[in-house]
Amino acid sequence: MYFLCLCTVAQCPGLDPPANGNIETTGMDFWDTATYSCDRGFNLVGVNTRTCQANGGWSGTPPFCTGKYCLLLTSSKSDLYIANVLIGL
């Protein structure tokens, strides 16, 4: 007597990259990963890697990119001004 087992590999849906960022995947099958990154001048908020789960969904929640803040120094003859400036927009 022989048994034939048919199984299907869970597939996850495609992912959209975050605004001002990118995503690279190793595939869309169970255990494949998606790695997020942000463009220059932006910081990633959240976990940068998600994994395709057995239920066909991606682990965690999608991260997002936010602009970096830098100090801007300006001066006049008698005063020095410091401003917190958002860059990368």
Protein backbone atom coordinates (compact mmCIF):
# COMPACT_ATOMS: atom_id res chain seq x y z
CA MET A 1 0.00 0.00 0.00
CA TYR A 2 1.30 3.44 -0.94
CA PHE A 3 0.21 6.83 0.26
CA LEU A 4 0.45 9.98 -1.73
CA CYS A 5 0.71 13.16 0.27
CA LEU A 6 -0.16 16.40 -1.41
CA CYS A 7 0.86 19.54 0.32
CA THR A 8 0.89 23.13 -0.71
CA VAL A 9 3.45 25.68 0.27
CA ALA A 10 1.98 28.79 1.85
CA GLN A 11 2.47 31.85 -0.31
CA CYS A 12 2.35 35.39 1.00
CA PRO A 13 1.05 38.38 -0.96
CA GLY A 14 3.35 40.94 -2.51
CA LEU A 15 4.44 43.84 -0.32
CA ASP A 16 4.57 47.55 -1.09
CA PRO A 17 7.78 49.38 -0.19
CA PRO A 18 7.45 52.17 2.35
CA ALA A 19 7.30 55.76 1.10
CA ASN A 20 10.92 56.92 0.69
CA GLY A 21 12.19 53.36 1.03
CA ASN A 22 12.77 49.98 -0.55
CA ILE A 23 12.02 46.33 0.05
CA GLU A 24 13.95 43.22 -0.99
CA THR A 25 12.43 39.75 -0.71
CA THR A 26 13.92 36.29 -0.94
CA GLY A 27 10.58 35.11 -2.35
CA MET A 28 6.93 34.86 -1.36
CA ASP A 29 6.88 31.30 0.05
CA PHE A 30 6.83 30.03 3.63
CA TRP A 31 9.96 31.14 5.52
CA ASP A 32 11.01 33.64 2.83
CA THR A 33 11.92 37.06 4.16
CA ALA A 34 11.32 40.68 3.23
CA THR A 35 13.93 43.26 4.26
CA TYR A 36 13.05 46.95 4.39
CA SER A 37 15.37 49.93 4.05
CA CYS A 38 15.00 53.68 3.68
CA ASP A 39 16.39 56.13 1.17
CA ARG A 40 19.27 58.40 2.15
CA GLY A 41 18.09 61.05 4.57
CA PHE A 42 15.41 58.82 6.12
CA ASN A 43 15.29 56.51 9.15
CA LEU A 44 13.39 53.22 9.35
CA VAL A 45 10.82 53.04 12.14
CA GLY A 46 9.90 49.46 13.07
CA VAL A 47 11.43 46.04 12.45
CA ASN A 48 13.38 45.82 9.19
CA THR A 49 12.68 42.13 8.43
CA ARG A 50 9.38 40.24 8.05
CA THR A 51 8.93 36.50 7.43
CA CYS A 52 6.32 34.68 5.34
CA GLN A 53 4.26 32.62 7.78
CA ALA A 54 2.58 29.21 7.36
CA ASN A 55 -0.83 30.94 7.30
CA GLY A 56 0.12 32.91 4.16
CA GLY A 57 0.63 36.23 5.96
CA TRP A 58 3.73 38.25 6.74
CA SER A 59 4.97 38.51 10.31
CA GLY A 60 4.72 41.79 12.18
CA THR A 61 3.60 45.09 10.75
CA PRO A 62 5.17 47.08 7.92
CA PRO A 63 7.78 49.61 9.03
CA PHE A 64 7.87 53.15 7.64
CA CYS A 65 10.49 55.76 6.82
CA THR A 66 10.69 59.16 8.45
CA GLY A 67 12.95 62.12 7.69
CA LYS A 68 16.10 62.64 9.76
CA TYR A 69 16.56 65.70 11.92
CA CYS A 70 19.76 67.73 11.85
CA LEU A 71 20.93 70.77 13.72
CA LEU A 72 21.21 73.89 11.61
CA LEU A 73 23.55 76.54 12.94
CA THR A 74 23.30 80.14 11.83
CA SER A 75 24.81 83.23 13.34
CA SER A 76 24.72 86.96 13.25
CA LYS A 77 27.47 89.24 14.53
CA SER A 78 26.35 88.81 18.13
CA ASP A 79 24.09 85.73 18.30
CA LEU A 80 24.24 82.04 17.40
CA TYR A 81 20.96 80.41 16.38
CA ILE A 82 20.29 76.68 16.54
CA ALA A 83 17.31 75.11 14.78
CA ASN A 84 16.16 71.51 14.56
CA VAL A 85 15.53 70.96 10.85
CA LEU A 86 13.80 67.99 9.22
CA ILE A 87 15.68 66.82 6.12
CA GLY A 88 14.91 64.24 3.50
CA LEU A 89 11.52 65.48 2.40
